[in-house]
C-alpha atoms as a PDB file:
ATOM      1  CA  UNK A   1       3.724  25.429  14.223  1.00  0.00           C
ATOM      2  CA  UNK A   2       1.965  25.557  10.847  1.00  0.00           C
ATOM      3  CA  UNK A   3       4.652  27.884   9.471  1.00  0.00           C
ATOM      4  CA  UNK A   4       7.407  25.428  10.451  1.00  0.00           C
ATOM      5  CA  UNK A   5       5.513  22.556   8.819  1.00  0.00           C
ATOM      6  CA  UNK A   6       5.097  24.524   5.589  1.00  0.00           C
ATOM      7  CA  UNK A   7       8.753  25.534   5.636  1.00  0.00           C
ATOM      8  CA  UNK A   8       9.881  21.903   6.084  1.00  0.00           C
ATOM      9  CA  UNK A   9       7.681  20.743   3.199  1.00  0.00           C
ATOM     10  CA  UNK A  10       9.049  23.468   0.904  1.00  0.00           C
ATOM     11  CA  UNK A  11      12.656  22.619   1.899  1.00  0.00           C
ATOM     12  CA  UNK A  12      12.039  18.921   1.260  1.00  0.00           C
ATOM     13  CA  UNK A  13      10.506  19.519  -2.179  1.00  0.00           C
ATOM     14  CA  UNK A  14      13.324  21.866  -3.195  1.00  0.00           C
ATOM     15  CA  UNK A  15      15.970  19.409  -1.956  1.00  0.00           C
ATOM     16  CA  UNK A  16      14.326  16.603  -3.918  1.00  0.00           C
ATOM     17  CA  UNK A  17      14.283  18.674  -7.108  1.00  0.00           C
ATOM     18  CA  UNK A  18      17.943  19.678  -6.606  1.00  0.00           C
ATOM     19  CA  UNK A  19      18.929  16.019  -6.105  1.00  0.00           C
ATOM     20  CA  UNK A  20      17.102  15.020  -9.289  1.00  0.00           C
ATOM     21  CA  UNK A  21      18.799  17.774 -11.265  1.00  0.00           C
ATOM     22  CA  UNK A  22      22.287  17.050  -9.908  1.00  0.00           C
ATOM     23  CA  UNK A  23      22.015  13.324 -10.525  1.00  0.00           C
ATOM     24  CA  UNK A  24      20.871  13.883 -14.118  1.00  0.00           C
ATOM     25  CA  UNK A  25      23.722  16.319 -14.799  1.00  0.00           C
ATOM     26  CA  UNK A  26      26.495  14.119 -13.390  1.00  0.00           C
ATOM     27  CA  UNK A  27      28.780  12.096 -15.617  1.00  0.00           C
ATOM     28  CA  UNK A  28      28.594   8.361 -14.904  1.00  0.00           C
ATOM     29  CA  UNK A  29      31.516   5.954 -14.586  1.00  0.00           C
ATOM     30  CA  UNK A  30      30.296   3.828 -17.475  1.00  0.00           C
ATOM     31  CA  UNK A  31      30.481   6.735 -19.930  1.00  0.00           C
ATOM     32  CA  UNK A  32      34.305   6.556 -19.973  1.00  0.00           C
ATOM     33  CA  UNK A  33      34.364   2.860 -20.847  1.00  0.00           C
ATOM     34  CA  UNK A  34      34.440   3.436 -24.603  1.00  0.00           C
ATOM     35  CA  UNK A  35      37.237   5.951 -24.219  1.00  0.00           C
ATOM     36  CA  UNK A  36      39.463   3.374 -22.531  1.00  0.00           C
ATOM     37  CA  UNK A  37      39.287   1.074 -25.567  1.00  0.00           C
ATOM     38  CA  UNK A  38      41.050   3.521 -27.844  1.00  0.00           C
ATOM     39  CA  UNK A  39      38.536   6.176 -28.827  1.00  0.00           C
ATOM     40  CA  UNK A  40      39.869   8.691 -26.322  1.00  0.00           C
ATOM     41  CA  UNK A  41      42.050   9.041 -23.304  1.00  0.00           C
ATOM     42  CA  UNK A  42      40.850   7.806 -19.933  1.00  0.00           C
ATOM     43  CA  UNK A  43      42.561   6.915 -16.679  1.00  0.00           C
ATOM     44  CA  UNK A  44      41.465   3.265 -16.581  1.00  0.00           C
ATOM     45  CA  UNK A  45      38.587   1.015 -17.564  1.00  0.00           C
ATOM     46  CA  UNK A  46      36.364   1.751 -14.574  1.00  0.00           C
ATOM     47  CA  UNK A  47      38.292   4.793 -13.485  1.00  0.00           C
ATOM     48  CA  UNK A  48      40.025   5.622 -10.258  1.00  0.00           C
ATOM     49  CA  UNK A  49      37.917   8.717  -9.731  1.00  0.00           C
ATOM     50  CA  UNK A  50      40.079  10.318  -7.054  1.00  0.00           C
ATOM     51  CA  UNK A  51      38.554  13.102  -5.003  1.00  0.00           C
ATOM     52  CA  UNK A  52      34.894  14.012  -5.336  1.00  0.00           C
ATOM     53  CA  UNK A  53      34.028  16.931  -7.568  1.00  0.00           C
ATOM     54  CA  UNK A  54      31.602  19.798  -6.990  1.00  0.00           C
ATOM     55  CA  UNK A  55      28.548  17.955  -8.346  1.00  0.00           C
ATOM     56  CA  UNK A  56      28.973  14.880  -6.135  1.00  0.00           C
ATOM     57  CA  UNK A  57      29.535  17.003  -3.029  1.00  0.00           C
ATOM     58  CA  UNK A  58      26.497  19.129  -3.865  1.00  0.00           C
ATOM     59  CA  UNK A  59      24.437  15.967  -4.254  1.00  0.00           C
ATOM     60  CA  UNK A  60      25.575  14.769  -0.824  1.00  0.00           C
ATOM     61  CA  UNK A  61      24.636  18.111   0.763  1.00  0.00           C
ATOM     62  CA  UNK A  62      21.200  18.094  -0.922  1.00  0.00           C
ATOM     63  CA  UNK A  63      20.617  14.499   0.210  1.00  0.00           C
ATOM     64  CA  UNK A  64      21.525  15.446   3.783  1.00  0.00           C
ATOM     65  CA  UNK A  65      19.098  18.388   3.695  1.00  0.00           C
ATOM     66  CA  UNK A  66      16.401  16.079   2.289  1.00  0.00           C
ATOM     67  CA  UNK A  67      16.886  13.496   5.056  1.00  0.00           C
ATOM     68  CA  UNK A  68      16.914  16.140   7.803  1.00  0.00           C
ATOM     69  CA  UNK A  69      13.676  17.624   6.419  1.00  0.00           C
ATOM     70  CA  UNK A  70      12.145  14.137   6.294  1.00  0.00           C
ATOM     71  CA  UNK A  71      13.100  13.463   9.919  1.00  0.00           C
ATOM     72  CA  UNK A  72      11.690  16.851  10.926  1.00  0.00           C
ATOM     73  CA  UNK A  73       8.380  16.110   9.199  1.00  0.00           C
ATOM     74  CA  UNK A  74       8.190  12.688  10.845  1.00  0.00           C
ATOM     75  CA  UNK A  75       8.859  14.224  14.261  1.00  0.00           C
ATOM     76  CA  UNK A  76       6.223  16.903  13.736  1.00  0.00           C
ATOM     77  CA  UNK A  77       3.715  14.279  12.649  1.00  0.00           C
ATOM     78  CA  UNK A  78       4.159  12.181  15.796  1.00  0.00           C
ATOM     79  CA  UNK A  79       4.910  14.884  18.388  1.00  0.00           C
ATOM     80  CA  UNK A  80       3.281  17.928  16.850  1.00  0.00           C
ATOM     81  CA  UNK A  81       0.129  19.729  17.912  1.00  0.00           C
ATOM     82  CA  UNK A  82      -2.928  17.551  18.398  1.00  0.00           C
ATOM     83  CA  UNK A  83      -5.958  18.250  16.209  1.00  0.00           C
ATOM     84  CA  UNK A  84      -8.422  20.679  17.734  1.00  0.00           C
ATOM     85  CA  UNK A  85     -12.064  19.914  18.402  1.00  0.00           C
ATOM     86  CA  UNK A  86     -13.085  21.260  14.994  1.00  0.00           C
ATOM     87  CA  UNK A  87     -10.494  19.086  13.214  1.00  0.00           C
ATOM     88  CA  UNK A  88     -10.846  15.637  14.769  1.00  0.00           C
ATOM     89  CA  UNK A  89     -10.694  12.401  12.874  1.00  0.00           C
ATOM     90  CA  UNK A  90     -12.203  11.531   9.532  1.00  0.00           C
ATOM     91  CA  UNK A  91     -14.158   8.737  11.236  1.00  0.00           C
ATOM     92  CA  UNK A  92     -15.747  11.248  13.626  1.00  0.00           C
ATOM     93  CA  UNK A  93     -17.154  13.147  10.646  1.00  0.00           C
ATOM     94  CA  UNK A  94     -18.447  10.059   8.793  1.00  0.00           C
ATOM     95  CA  UNK A  95     -22.233   9.753   8.528  1.00  0.00           C
ATOM     96  CA  UNK A  96     -23.762   6.991  10.640  1.00  0.00           C
ATOM     97  CA  UNK A  97     -26.300   4.484   9.274  1.00  0.00           C
ATOM     98  CA  UNK A  98     -29.945   4.983  10.301  1.00  0.00           C
ATOM     99  CA  UNK A  99     -30.054   1.871  12.526  1.00  0.00           C
ATOM    100  CA  UNK A 100     -26.866   2.734  14.378  1.00  0.00           C
ATOM    101  CA  UNK A 101     -27.938   6.311  15.172  1.00  0.00           C
ATOM    102  CA  UNK A 102     -30.158   5.175  18.060  1.00  0.00           C
ATOM    103  CA  UNK A 103     -27.314   3.460  19.942  1.00  0.00           C
ATOM    104  CA  UNK A 104     -25.420   5.605  22.402  1.00  0.00           C
ATOM    105  CA  UNK A 105     -21.666   5.848  21.856  1.00  0.00           C
ATOM    106  CA  UNK A 106     -19.657   3.414  23.944  1.00  0.00           C
ATOM    107  CA  UNK A 107     -22.476   0.883  24.369  1.00  0.00           C
ATOM    108  CA  UNK A 108     -22.141  -2.712  23.299  1.00  0.00           C
ATOM    109  CA  UNK A 109     -24.803  -3.840  20.818  1.00  0.00           C
ATOM    110  CA  UNK A 110     -26.976  -6.753  21.963  1.00  0.00           C
ATOM    111  CA  UNK A 111     -28.055  -9.832  20.041  1.00  0.00           C
ATOM    112  CA  UNK A 112     -31.375  -9.775  18.173  1.00  0.00           C
ATOM    113  CA  UNK A 113     -34.445 -10.932  20.102  1.00  0.00           C
ATOM    114  CA  UNK A 114     -35.414 -13.665  17.604  1.00  0.00           C
ATOM    115  CA  UNK A 115     -32.956 -16.554  17.600  1.00  0.00           C
ATOM    116  CA  UNK A 116     -33.373 -19.355  15.006  1.00  0.00           C
ATOM    117  CA  UNK A 117     -33.887 -22.795  16.530  1.00  0.00           C
ATOM    118  CA  UNK A 118     -32.842 -26.242  15.347  1.00  0.00           C
ATOM    119  CA  UNK A 119     -35.498 -28.703  14.062  1.00  0.00           C
ATOM    120  CA  UNK A 120     -36.989 -30.950  16.730  1.00  0.00           C
ATOM    121  CA  UNK A 121     -36.289 -34.233  14.865  1.00  0.00           C
ATOM    122  CA  UNK A 122     -33.318 -34.874  12.588  1.00  0.00           C
ATOM    123  CA  UNK A 123     -34.041 -35.648   8.939  1.00  0.00           C
ATOM    124  CA  UNK A 124     -33.602 -39.184   7.632  1.00  0.00           C
ATOM    125  CA  UNK A 125     -30.427 -39.854   5.636  1.00  0.00           C
ATOM    126  CA  UNK A 126     -30.967 -39.206   1.928  1.00  0.00           C
ATOM    127  CA  UNK A 127     -34.248 -37.359   2.468  1.00  0.00           C
ATOM    128  CA  UNK A 128     -34.782 -33.986   0.874  1.00  0.00           C
ATOM    129  CA  UNK A 129     -35.675 -31.028   3.069  1.00  0.00           C
ATOM    130  CA  UNK A 130     -39.353 -30.132   3.296  1.00  0.00           C
ATOM    131  CA  UNK A 131     -40.558 -27.861   0.518  1.00  0.00           C
ATOM    132  CA  UNK A 132     -37.891 -28.946  -1.998  1.00  0.00           C
ATOM    133  CA  UNK A 133     -38.097 -31.453  -4.785  1.00  0.00           C
ATOM    134  CA  UNK A 134     -35.631 -34.256  -5.383  1.00  0.00           C
ATOM    135  CA  UNK A 135     -33.229 -33.610  -8.276  1.00  0.00           C
ATOM    136  CA  UNK A 136     -34.450 -35.075 -11.573  1.00  0.00           C
ATOM    137  CA  UNK A 137     -32.304 -37.525 -13.496  1.00  0.00           C
ATOM    138  CA  UNK A 138     -30.636 -36.158 -16.631  1.00  0.00           C
ATOM    139  CA  UNK A 139     -31.989 -38.090 -19.663  1.00  0.00           C
ATOM    140  CA  UNK A 140     -28.946 -37.191 -21.769  1.00  0.00           C
ATOM    141  CA  UNK A 141     -26.675 -39.326 -19.573  1.00  0.00           C
ATOM    142  CA  UNK A 142     -27.275 -43.107 -19.698  1.00  0.00           C
ATOM    143  CA  UNK A 143     -27.706 -44.776 -16.322  1.00  0.00           C
ATOM    144  CA  UNK A 144     -25.058 -47.457 -16.808  1.00  0.00           C
ATOM    145  CA  UNK A 145     -22.402 -46.263 -19.224  1.00  0.00           C
ATOM    146  CA  UNK A 146     -19.676 -48.840 -19.641  1.00  0.00           C
ATOM    147  CA  UNK A 147     -16.181 -47.590 -20.514  1.00  0.00           C
ATOM    148  CA  UNK A 148     -15.013 -48.455 -24.010  1.00  0.00           C
ATOM    149  CA  UNK A 149     -12.443 -51.223 -24.183  1.00  0.00           C
ATOM    150  CA  UNK A 150      -9.114 -50.181 -25.664  1.00  0.00           C
ATOM    151  CA  UNK A 151      -7.056 -52.493 -27.834  1.00  0.00           C
END
């Protein structure tokens, strides 16, 4: 199974490189545009290309090989051999924190024993909590600043 996977990866990489090379070598339709305005002879402005040449057919074959290799890799990824006990998941190999090591796998953690309680009597409106000081007034800002009148 590993040999088939390696073979598919090599085929896909080679097909991708062939596609890149063939696309870069091909002559685009826009390259003939200047020739149609008098600097050369061309069939028409955007060209009636006619039948496909060797490069375009080779590109189509390489693209087909690339897509088949991609489908094969996707199939092998979803339906291939399952990882063995030594392989496993990355999460299985991750180190566990010191506090979580005591819990058995599959158990649900419980809430802490100490639960904070609400105060017995509500605070008066505008009062500051115990142990804190009231905010001091800023002396740089006057208490009653009147807006300036505009003319």
